[in-house]
Amino acid sequence: MKKRILIMMLLFAAGIVLAQDGGSIALEAGEDATQKINLWTLIKQGGWAMYPLGLFSFFMVALVIQNFISLRPKTLLHTEMMPELLDHMLNDKVKTALVYCRKHPSMFTNTFGAGLERCLDVQGKYDFDKVKESVEESSVEQLSKLMKPIDYLSIIGASAPMLGLLGTVSGMIKAFHTMGTTGMGDPSKLAANIGEALVTTATGLIIAIPAMFFFFFFKKGFQKTLATLGRNVGFLFDALESGKMPVAYMDLETLEKMERE
């Protein structure tokens, strides 16, 4: 899946380069004269709306790169820490595990550490209902923090077409104003206003479509990561409560031995 997304991004970037360098459209203005419209000309023709749309496109690319880096399952879950933390839980070393989580801050250790803090607040037998509440509160806090860059993509995806539509309305108002003041004597001015309207609409859609695609892509991936996080934290507290290794982390030899017994 990651390779496919990378290929799609490279193809998208290549398309932009081709549009800038070689994608010019030749329009016949007569039998001998031609007028070339390249990407920069279209951007200038779009008028004032192209400036905020340009900012939207810049922020969209920045958010996509940020989410690809910060939402990697390896970065959020740190499954390599599970064996050591499981050992601490099996030996009832809550303080040691909490210190370990504080030294290695991440979404996983912050969520798990919140439950460990509640364990230390209880004298004697652990109240795992309160531990569960603490873990849920911490996970919601982590969720709201990491979902912000994803939600910003949704905002861009919803706002870009409306901004493009506003530019379209502005261009059409100018076109009708030109018709009202000069009539149809100068079609070039009327065409420029209509061109502004069409360019802003197309630009808004070009920005909105990838923004919404990446919004749902990152959202679904993050939801899957959260499910795995809850499962791993559950394994750790089950080990603390029962003093036994979770079945998911037992090797085949141990499982066969249990079956014989």
C-alpha atoms as a PDB file:
ATOM      1  CA  MET A   1       0.000   0.000   0.000  1.00  0.00           C
ATOM      2  CA  LYS A   2       2.804   2.444   0.896  1.00  0.00           C
ATOM      3  CA  LYS A   3       4.538   1.740  -2.420  1.00  0.00           C
ATOM      4  CA  ARG A   4       1.311   2.436  -4.316  1.00  0.00           C
ATOM      5  CA  ILE A   5       0.787   5.746  -2.514  1.00  0.00           C
ATOM      6  CA  LEU A   6       4.401   6.739  -3.214  1.00  0.00           C
ATOM      7  CA  ILE A   7       3.989   5.914  -6.911  1.00  0.00           C
ATOM      8  CA  MET A   8       0.774   7.960  -7.044  1.00  0.00           C
ATOM      9  CA  MET A   9       2.506  10.947  -5.448  1.00  0.00           C
ATOM     10  CA  LEU A  10       5.427  10.697  -7.894  1.00  0.00           C
ATOM     11  CA  LEU A  11       3.039  10.541 -10.839  1.00  0.00           C
ATOM     12  CA  PHE A  12       1.144  13.541  -9.465  1.00  0.00           C
ATOM     13  CA  ALA A  13       4.395  15.519  -9.092  1.00  0.00           C
ATOM     14  CA  ALA A  14       5.481  14.500 -12.586  1.00  0.00           C
ATOM     15  CA  GLY A  15       2.165  15.720 -13.966  1.00  0.00           C
ATOM     16  CA  ILE A  16       2.682  19.101 -12.345  1.00  0.00           C
ATOM     17  CA  VAL A  17       6.181  19.398 -13.806  1.00  0.00           C
ATOM     18  CA  LEU A  18       4.924  18.458 -17.259  1.00  0.00           C
ATOM     19  CA  ALA A  19       2.131  20.997 -16.951  1.00  0.00           C
ATOM     20  CA  GLN A  20       4.639  23.705 -16.062  1.00  0.00           C
ATOM     21  CA  ASP A  21       7.313  22.902 -18.618  1.00  0.00           C
ATOM     22  CA  GLY A  22       5.678  21.265 -21.579  1.00  0.00           C
ATOM     23  CA  GLY A  23       1.931  21.450 -21.092  1.00  0.00           C
ATOM     24  CA  SER A  24       1.166  24.572 -23.011  1.00  0.00           C
ATOM     25  CA  ILE A  25      -1.991  24.943 -25.070  1.00  0.00           C
ATOM     26  CA  ALA A  26      -1.749  26.588 -28.461  1.00  0.00           C
ATOM     27  CA  LEU A  27      -4.786  28.617 -29.464  1.00  0.00           C
ATOM     28  CA  GLU A  28      -5.148  29.875 -33.006  1.00  0.00           C
ATOM     29  CA  ALA A  29      -5.778  33.633 -32.989  1.00  0.00           C
ATOM     30  CA  GLY A  30      -5.763  33.852 -36.761  1.00  0.00           C
ATOM     31  CA  GLU A  31      -4.238  32.108 -39.712  1.00  0.00           C
ATOM     32  CA  ASP A  32      -0.632  33.011 -38.810  1.00  0.00           C
ATOM     33  CA  ALA A  33      -0.676  34.060 -35.106  1.00  0.00           C
ATOM     34  CA  THR A  34      -0.918  31.715 -32.112  1.00  0.00           C
ATOM     35  CA  GLN A  35      -1.266  32.501 -28.455  1.00  0.00           C
ATOM     36  CA  LYS A  36       0.209  30.076 -25.916  1.00  0.00           C
ATOM     37  CA  ILE A  37      -1.359  29.620 -22.524  1.00  0.00           C
ATOM     38  CA  ASN A  38       0.880  27.894 -19.996  1.00  0.00           C
ATOM     39  CA  LEU A  39       0.312  27.141 -16.318  1.00  0.00           C
ATOM     40  CA  TRP A  40       1.626  30.471 -15.075  1.00  0.00           C
ATOM     41  CA  THR A  41      -0.644  32.333 -17.481  1.00  0.00           C
ATOM     42  CA  LEU A  42      -3.646  30.400 -16.184  1.00  0.00           C
ATOM     43  CA  ILE A  43      -2.670  31.199 -12.604  1.00  0.00           C
ATOM     44  CA  LYS A  44      -2.474  34.911 -13.369  1.00  0.00           C
ATOM     45  CA  GLN A  45      -5.755  34.724 -15.242  1.00  0.00           C
ATOM     46  CA  GLY A  46      -7.480  33.308 -12.173  1.00  0.00           C
ATOM     47  CA  GLY A  47      -7.293  36.656 -10.404  1.00  0.00           C
ATOM     48  CA  TRP A  48      -7.361  37.328  -6.668  1.00  0.00           C
ATOM     49  CA  ALA A  49      -8.803  33.929  -5.718  1.00  0.00           C
ATOM     50  CA  MET A  50      -5.618  32.172  -6.846  1.00  0.00           C
ATOM     51  CA  TYR A  51      -3.650  33.649  -3.932  1.00  0.00           C
ATOM     52  CA  PRO A  52      -5.651  31.986  -1.112  1.00  0.00           C
ATOM     53  CA  LEU A  53      -5.993  28.842  -3.240  1.00  0.00           C
ATOM     54  CA  GLY A  54      -2.222  28.813  -3.606  1.00  0.00           C
ATOM     55  CA  LEU A  55      -1.885  28.962   0.187  1.00  0.00           C
ATOM     56  CA  PHE A  56      -4.372  26.096   0.482  1.00  0.00           C
ATOM     57  CA  SER A  57      -2.317  23.976  -1.900  1.00  0.00           C
ATOM     58  CA  PHE A  58       0.884  24.722   0.027  1.00  0.00           C
ATOM     59  CA  PHE A  59      -0.669  23.795   3.379  1.00  0.00           C
ATOM     60  CA  MET A  60      -2.219  20.669   1.885  1.00  0.00           C
ATOM     61  CA  VAL A  61       1.165  19.373   0.717  1.00  0.00           C
ATOM     62  CA  ALA A  62       2.755  20.263   4.073  1.00  0.00           C
ATOM     63  CA  LEU A  63      -0.006  18.463   5.997  1.00  0.00           C
ATOM     64  CA  VAL A  64       0.259  15.363   3.821  1.00  0.00           C
ATOM     65  CA  ILE A  65       4.010  15.155   4.423  1.00  0.00           C
ATOM     66  CA  GLN A  66       3.566  15.767   8.160  1.00  0.00           C
ATOM     67  CA  ASN A  67       0.919  13.067   8.477  1.00  0.00           C
ATOM     68  CA  PHE A  68       2.980  10.545   6.546  1.00  0.00           C
ATOM     69  CA  ILE A  69       5.800  11.124   9.037  1.00  0.00           C
ATOM     70  CA  SER A  70       3.913  11.449  12.321  1.00  0.00           C
ATOM     71  CA  LEU A  71       1.189   8.829  11.782  1.00  0.00           C
ATOM     72  CA  ARG A  72       3.399   5.881  10.939  1.00  0.00           C
ATOM     73  CA  PRO A  73       2.328   2.842  13.015  1.00  0.00           C
ATOM     74  CA  LYS A  74       5.961   2.204  13.941  1.00  0.00           C
ATOM     75  CA  THR A  75       6.227   5.706  15.409  1.00  0.00           C
ATOM     76  CA  LEU A  76       2.949   5.513  17.336  1.00  0.00           C
ATOM     77  CA  LEU A  77       2.884   1.899  18.541  1.00  0.00           C
ATOM     78  CA  HIS A  78       6.536   1.033  19.253  1.00  0.00           C
ATOM     79  CA  THR A  79       5.851  -2.691  19.302  1.00  0.00           C
ATOM     80  CA  GLU A  80       9.536  -3.319  20.016  1.00  0.00           C
ATOM     81  CA  MET A  81       8.872  -2.131  23.588  1.00  0.00           C
ATOM     82  CA  MET A  82       6.253  -4.790  24.275  1.00  0.00           C
ATOM     83  CA  PRO A  83       8.600  -7.622  25.446  1.00  0.00           C
ATOM     84  CA  GLU A  84      10.305  -5.456  28.066  1.00  0.00           C
ATOM     85  CA  LEU A  85       7.052  -3.919  29.304  1.00  0.00           C
ATOM     86  CA  LEU A  86       5.432  -7.358  29.462  1.00  0.00           C
ATOM     87  CA  ASP A  87       8.304  -8.539  31.627  1.00  0.00           C
ATOM     88  CA  HIS A  88       7.760  -5.596  33.989  1.00  0.00           C
ATOM     89  CA  MET A  89       4.041  -6.351  34.216  1.00  0.00           C
ATOM     90  CA  LEU A  90       4.571 -10.063  34.856  1.00  0.00           C
ATOM     91  CA  ASN A  91       6.922  -9.186  37.722  1.00  0.00           C
ATOM     92  CA  ASP A  92       4.639  -6.430  39.090  1.00  0.00           C
ATOM     93  CA  LYS A  93       7.222  -3.698  38.443  1.00  0.00           C
ATOM     94  CA  VAL A  94       4.790  -0.841  37.934  1.00  0.00           C
ATOM     95  CA  LYS A  95       7.190   1.928  38.964  1.00  0.00           C
ATOM     96  CA  THR A  96       9.933   0.596  36.704  1.00  0.00           C
ATOM     97  CA  ALA A  97       7.514   0.436  33.779  1.00  0.00           C
ATOM     98  CA  LEU A  98       6.322   3.996  34.450  1.00  0.00           C
ATOM     99  CA  VAL A  99       9.899   5.307  34.486  1.00  0.00           C
ATOM    100  CA  TYR A 100      10.518   3.489  31.206  1.00  0.00           C
ATOM    101  CA  CYS A 101       7.437   5.131  29.656  1.00  0.00           C
ATOM    102  CA  ARG A 102       8.521   8.573  30.862  1.00  0.00           C
ATOM    103  CA  LYS A 103      11.947   8.076  29.281  1.00  0.00           C
ATOM    104  CA  HIS A 104      10.462   7.018  25.928  1.00  0.00           C
ATOM    105  CA  PRO A 105       7.495   9.350  25.284  1.00  0.00           C
ATOM    106  CA  SER A 106       5.167   8.380  22.442  1.00  0.00           C
ATOM    107  CA  MET A 107       1.463   7.841  21.925  1.00  0.00           C
ATOM    108  CA  PHE A 108       1.756   4.266  23.165  1.00  0.00           C
ATOM    109  CA  THR A 109       3.864   4.982  26.260  1.00  0.00           C
ATOM    110  CA  ASN A 110       1.848   8.088  27.171  1.00  0.00           C
ATOM    111  CA  THR A 111      -1.406   6.123  27.087  1.00  0.00           C
ATOM    112  CA  PHE A 112       0.011   3.145  28.940  1.00  0.00           C
ATOM    113  CA  GLY A 113       1.772   5.406  31.447  1.00  0.00           C
ATOM    114  CA  ALA A 114      -1.529   7.091  32.321  1.00  0.00           C
ATOM    115  CA  GLY A 115      -2.870   3.723  33.440  1.00  0.00           C
ATOM    116  CA  LEU A 116       0.288   2.980  35.402  1.00  0.00           C
ATOM    117  CA  GLU A 117      -0.052   6.283  37.247  1.00  0.00           C
ATOM    118  CA  ARG A 118      -3.518   5.253  38.386  1.00  0.00           C
ATOM    119  CA  CYS A 119      -2.077   1.937  39.590  1.00  0.00           C
ATOM    120  CA  LEU A 120       0.410   3.774  41.784  1.00  0.00           C
ATOM    121  CA  ASP A 121      -2.364   5.914  43.257  1.00  0.00           C
ATOM    122  CA  VAL A 122      -4.073   2.801  44.609  1.00  0.00           C
ATOM    123  CA  GLN A 123      -2.739   1.111  47.745  1.00  0.00           C
ATOM    124  CA  GLY A 124      -2.849  -2.663  47.750  1.00  0.00           C
ATOM    125  CA  LYS A 125      -5.012  -4.308  45.105  1.00  0.00           C
ATOM    126  CA  TYR A 126      -5.265  -2.474  41.806  1.00  0.00           C
ATOM    127  CA  ASP A 127      -8.616  -1.084  40.718  1.00  0.00           C
ATOM    128  CA  PHE A 128      -8.541  -1.950  37.022  1.00  0.00           C
ATOM    129  CA  ASP A 129     -11.830  -0.174  36.356  1.00  0.00           C
ATOM    130  CA  LYS A 130     -10.191   3.124  37.280  1.00  0.00           C
ATOM    131  CA  VAL A 131      -7.093   2.122  35.335  1.00  0.00           C
ATOM    132  CA  LYS A 132      -9.281   1.575  32.276  1.00  0.00           C
ATOM    133  CA  GLU A 133     -10.892   5.002  32.710  1.00  0.00           C
ATOM    134  CA  SER A 134      -7.484   6.635  32.922  1.00  0.00           C
ATOM    135  CA  VAL A 135      -6.291   4.881  29.779  1.00  0.00           C
ATOM    136  CA  GLU A 136      -9.419   5.942  27.894  1.00  0.00           C
ATOM    137  CA  GLU A 137      -9.002   9.559  28.987  1.00  0.00           C
ATOM    138  CA  SER A 138      -5.375   9.573  27.878  1.00  0.00           C
ATOM    139  CA  SER A 139      -6.208   7.955  24.545  1.00  0.00           C
ATOM    140  CA  VAL A 140      -8.857  10.608  23.854  1.00  0.00           C
ATOM    141  CA  GLU A 141      -6.294  13.312  24.615  1.00  0.00           C
ATOM    142  CA  GLN A 142      -3.762  11.723  22.260  1.00  0.00           C
ATOM    143  CA  LEU A 143      -6.474  11.262  19.639  1.00  0.00           C
ATOM    144  CA  SER A 144      -7.497  14.920  19.658  1.00  0.00           C
ATOM    145  CA  LYS A 145      -3.859  15.986  19.335  1.00  0.00           C
ATOM    146  CA  LEU A 146      -2.980  13.737  16.402  1.00  0.00           C
ATOM    147  CA  MET A 147      -6.297  14.196  14.595  1.00  0.00           C
ATOM    148  CA  LYS A 148      -5.799  17.957  14.162  1.00  0.00           C
ATOM    149  CA  PRO A 149      -3.526  17.732  11.074  1.00  0.00           C
ATOM    150  CA  ILE A 150      -5.942  15.187   9.576  1.00  0.00           C
ATOM    151  CA  ASP A 151      -8.963  17.414  10.214  1.00  0.00           C
ATOM    152  CA  TYR A 152      -7.164  20.361   8.614  1.00  0.00           C
ATOM    153  CA  LEU A 153      -7.110  18.372   5.348  1.00  0.00           C
ATOM    154  CA  SER A 154     -10.872  18.050   5.607  1.00  0.00           C
ATOM    155  CA  ILE A 155     -11.196  21.807   6.117  1.00  0.00           C
ATOM    156  CA  ILE A 156      -9.073  22.472   3.033  1.00  0.00           C
ATOM    157  CA  GLY A 157     -11.060  19.928   1.021  1.00  0.00           C
ATOM    158  CA  ALA A 158     -14.340  21.578   1.959  1.00  0.00           C
ATOM    159  CA  SER A 159     -13.192  25.210   1.676  1.00  0.00           C
ATOM    160  CA  ALA A 160     -11.209  25.099  -1.587  1.00  0.00           C
ATOM    161  CA  PRO A 161     -14.225  24.452  -3.874  1.00  0.00           C
ATOM    162  CA  MET A 162     -16.225  27.186  -2.145  1.00  0.00           C
ATOM    163  CA  LEU A 163     -13.338  29.621  -2.558  1.00  0.00           C
ATOM    164  CA  GLY A 164     -13.059  28.617  -6.209  1.00  0.00           C
ATOM    165  CA  LEU A 165     -16.809  29.166  -6.596  1.00  0.00           C
ATOM    166  CA  LEU A 166     -16.432  32.608  -5.062  1.00  0.00           C
ATOM    167  CA  GLY A 167     -13.763  33.388  -7.636  1.00  0.00           C
ATOM    168  CA  THR A 168     -16.134  32.105 -10.319  1.00  0.00           C
ATOM    169  CA  VAL A 169     -18.886  34.439  -9.165  1.00  0.00           C
ATOM    170  CA  SER A 170     -16.405  37.317  -9.103  1.00  0.00           C
ATOM    171  CA  GLY A 171     -15.322  36.573 -12.666  1.00  0.00           C
ATOM    172  CA  MET A 172     -18.906  36.364 -13.905  1.00  0.00           C
ATOM    173  CA  ILE A 173     -19.767  39.669 -12.218  1.00  0.00           C
ATOM    174  CA  LYS A 174     -16.849  41.266 -14.050  1.00  0.00           C
ATOM    175  CA  ALA A 175     -17.999  39.682 -17.314  1.00  0.00           C
ATOM    176  CA  PHE A 176     -21.516  41.098 -16.993  1.00  0.00           C
ATOM    177  CA  HIS A 177     -20.110  44.463 -15.942  1.00  0.00           C
ATOM    178  CA  THR A 178     -17.952  44.474 -19.084  1.00  0.00           C
ATOM    179  CA  MET A 179     -20.978  43.624 -21.206  1.00  0.00           C
ATOM    180  CA  GLY A 180     -22.967  46.413 -19.568  1.00  0.00           C
ATOM    181  CA  THR A 181     -20.339  49.117 -20.045  1.00  0.00           C
ATOM    182  CA  THR A 182     -18.688  48.244 -23.370  1.00  0.00           C
ATOM    183  CA  GLY A 183     -21.224  45.903 -24.927  1.00  0.00           C
ATOM    184  CA  MET A 184     -19.974  43.066 -27.109  1.00  0.00           C
ATOM    185  CA  GLY A 185     -17.522  45.235 -29.010  1.00  0.00           C
ATOM    186  CA  ASP A 186     -14.435  43.806 -27.265  1.00  0.00           C
ATOM    187  CA  PRO A 187     -14.826  40.028 -26.839  1.00  0.00           C
ATOM    188  CA  SER A 188     -11.268  39.698 -25.434  1.00  0.00           C
ATOM    189  CA  LYS A 189     -12.214  41.481 -22.201  1.00  0.00           C
ATOM    190  CA  LEU A 190     -15.319  39.350 -21.794  1.00  0.00           C
ATOM    191  CA  ALA A 191     -13.297  36.178 -22.457  1.00  0.00           C
ATOM    192  CA  ALA A 192     -10.732  37.180 -19.809  1.00  0.00           C
ATOM    193  CA  ASN A 193     -13.448  37.543 -17.161  1.00  0.00           C
ATOM    194  CA  ILE A 194     -15.035  34.211 -18.074  1.00  0.00           C
ATOM    195  CA  GLY A 195     -11.588  32.597 -18.078  1.00  0.00           C
ATOM    196  CA  GLU A 196     -11.024  33.872 -14.547  1.00  0.00           C
ATOM    197  CA  ALA A 197     -14.273  32.252 -13.477  1.00  0.00           C
ATOM    198  CA  LEU A 198     -13.425  28.871 -14.981  1.00  0.00           C
ATOM    199  CA  VAL A 199      -9.820  28.771 -13.737  1.00  0.00           C
ATOM    200  CA  THR A 200     -10.747  29.385 -10.108  1.00  0.00           C
ATOM    201  CA  THR A 201     -13.391  26.650 -10.179  1.00  0.00           C
ATOM    202  CA  ALA A 202     -10.954  24.135 -11.651  1.00  0.00           C
ATOM    203  CA  THR A 203      -8.216  25.102  -9.193  1.00  0.00           C
ATOM    204  CA  GLY A 204     -10.518  24.705  -6.202  1.00  0.00           C
ATOM    205  CA  LEU A 205     -11.470  21.197  -7.340  1.00  0.00           C
ATOM    206  CA  ILE A 206      -7.852  20.237  -8.077  1.00  0.00           C
ATOM    207  CA  ILE A 207      -6.937  21.137  -4.495  1.00  0.00           C
ATOM    208  CA  ALA A 208     -10.036  19.648  -2.863  1.00  0.00           C
ATOM    209  CA  ILE A 209      -9.921  16.193  -4.478  1.00  0.00           C
ATOM    210  CA  PRO A 210      -6.473  15.098  -3.187  1.00  0.00           C
ATOM    211  CA  ALA A 211      -7.122  16.817   0.151  1.00  0.00           C
ATOM    212  CA  MET A 212     -10.249  14.731   0.764  1.00  0.00           C
ATOM    213  CA  PHE A 213      -8.544  11.569  -0.492  1.00  0.00           C
ATOM    214  CA  PHE A 214      -5.676  11.936   1.963  1.00  0.00           C
ATOM    215  CA  PHE A 215      -8.093  12.924   4.727  1.00  0.00           C
ATOM    216  CA  PHE A 216      -9.925   9.600   4.521  1.00  0.00           C
ATOM    217  CA  PHE A 217      -6.680   7.702   3.921  1.00  0.00           C
ATOM    218  CA  PHE A 218      -5.021   9.040   7.080  1.00  0.00           C
ATOM    219  CA  LYS A 219      -8.216   8.830   9.125  1.00  0.00           C
ATOM    220  CA  LYS A 220      -8.766   5.129   8.367  1.00  0.00           C
ATOM    221  CA  GLY A 221      -5.106   4.332   8.980  1.00  0.00           C
ATOM    222  CA  PHE A 222      -5.120   6.184  12.278  1.00  0.00           C
ATOM    223  CA  GLN A 223      -8.264   4.394  13.433  1.00  0.00           C
ATOM    224  CA  LYS A 224      -6.579   1.069  12.740  1.00  0.00           C
ATOM    225  CA  THR A 225      -3.518   2.189  14.711  1.00  0.00           C
ATOM    226  CA  LEU A 226      -5.734   3.185  17.654  1.00  0.00           C
ATOM    227  CA  ALA A 227      -7.363  -0.246  17.650  1.00  0.00           C
ATOM    228  CA  THR A 228      -3.945  -1.920  17.755  1.00  0.00           C
ATOM    229  CA  LEU A 229      -2.850   0.443  20.523  1.00  0.00           C
ATOM    230  CA  GLY A 230      -5.854  -0.467  22.687  1.00  0.00           C
ATOM    231  CA  ARG A 231      -5.176  -4.145  22.082  1.00  0.00           C
ATOM    232  CA  ASN A 232      -1.515  -3.864  23.144  1.00  0.00           C
ATOM    233  CA  VAL A 233      -2.315  -1.829  26.262  1.00  0.00           C
ATOM    234  CA  GLY A 234      -4.979  -4.389  27.148  1.00  0.00           C
ATOM    235  CA  PHE A 235      -2.412  -7.187  26.878  1.00  0.00           C
ATOM    236  CA  LEU A 236      -0.096  -5.379  29.290  1.00  0.00           C
ATOM    237  CA  PHE A 237      -2.718  -4.786  31.964  1.00  0.00           C
ATOM    238  CA  ASP A 238      -4.029  -8.326  31.576  1.00  0.00           C
ATOM    239  CA  ALA A 239      -0.495  -9.540  32.296  1.00  0.00           C
ATOM    240  CA  LEU A 240      -0.341  -7.311  35.388  1.00  0.00           C
ATOM    241  CA  GLU A 241      -3.721  -8.508  36.622  1.00  0.00           C
ATOM    242  CA  SER A 242      -3.258 -12.237  35.998  1.00  0.00           C
ATOM    243  CA  GLY A 243       0.513 -12.560  36.274  1.00  0.00           C
ATOM    244  CA  LYS A 244       0.494 -14.680  33.103  1.00  0.00           C
ATOM    245  CA  MET A 245       1.880 -14.109  29.635  1.00  0.00           C
ATOM    246  CA  PRO A 246      -0.884 -13.185  27.130  1.00  0.00           C
ATOM    247  CA  VAL A 247      -1.622 -15.995  24.710  1.00  0.00           C
ATOM    248  CA  ALA A 248      -0.926 -13.697  21.732  1.00  0.00           C
ATOM    249  CA  TYR A 249       2.724 -13.453  22.835  1.00  0.00           C
ATOM    250  CA  MET A 250       3.257 -17.143  23.551  1.00  0.00           C
ATOM    251  CA  ASP A 251       5.372 -19.100  21.102  1.00  0.00           C
ATOM    252  CA  LEU A 252       4.187 -22.272  19.420  1.00  0.00           C
ATOM    253  CA  GLU A 253       6.126 -24.537  21.763  1.00  0.00           C
ATOM    254  CA  THR A 254       4.470 -23.051  24.846  1.00  0.00           C
ATOM    255  CA  LEU A 255       1.014 -23.353  23.278  1.00  0.00           C
ATOM    256  CA  GLU A 256       1.621 -27.026  22.423  1.00  0.00           C
ATOM    257  CA  LYS A 257       2.765 -27.636  25.975  1.00  0.00           C
ATOM    258  CA  MET A 258      -0.404 -26.039  27.321  1.00  0.00           C
ATOM    259  CA  GLU A 259      -2.469 -28.210  24.998  1.00  0.00           C
ATOM    260  CA  ARG A 260      -0.817 -31.407  26.278  1.00  0.00           C
ATOM    261  CA  GLU A 261      -1.449 -30.389  29.855  1.00  0.00           C
END
